[in-house]
Amino acid sequence: QVQLAESGGGLVQSGGSLRLSCAASGLDFSLYAMGWFRQAPGKEREFVAGITRNGGNTFYSDSVKGRFTISRDNARNTVYLAMNGLNAEDTAVYSCAAEFRPMGPGLAQRDYEYRYWGQGTRVSVSS
């Protein structure tokens, strides 16, 4: 059974930092590109950041570029999202997702292309 378990969310003041983790089990992690998505209250889920299978390439939404950093440790089956310079607009439930990429590099930014999802972790930024 595939499981993606996020952790690291919480309440932080504007300008602060958090580091989210997503531990994967039940899948060959090295065959999956990984993404982080978020959904704010009353809004649609949006792509935040993604990383290719081997970690060689990363992609970010314009809203987080320069503030967030995605990384992965394939030996630990874990993907991370380091978030700096947080502001109220970053308040959301953050979910990690796995996209099956058996043929190699690249990743999707559309949520329907991701096969597995975690339950999400809530990030609240106070102004």
Foldseek 3Di string as FASTA:
>chain_A
DKAWAKDWADEEAAQAKIKMKIAIDDDQQLQWKKFKWWDDPPGDIFTAKIAWSVRPDMDGDPVQPPFWDWGDDSVRRMIMIIGGRDDQVPWTWMKMFIAGHNPGTDDDGDPVRTDDIHPTDTHGYHD
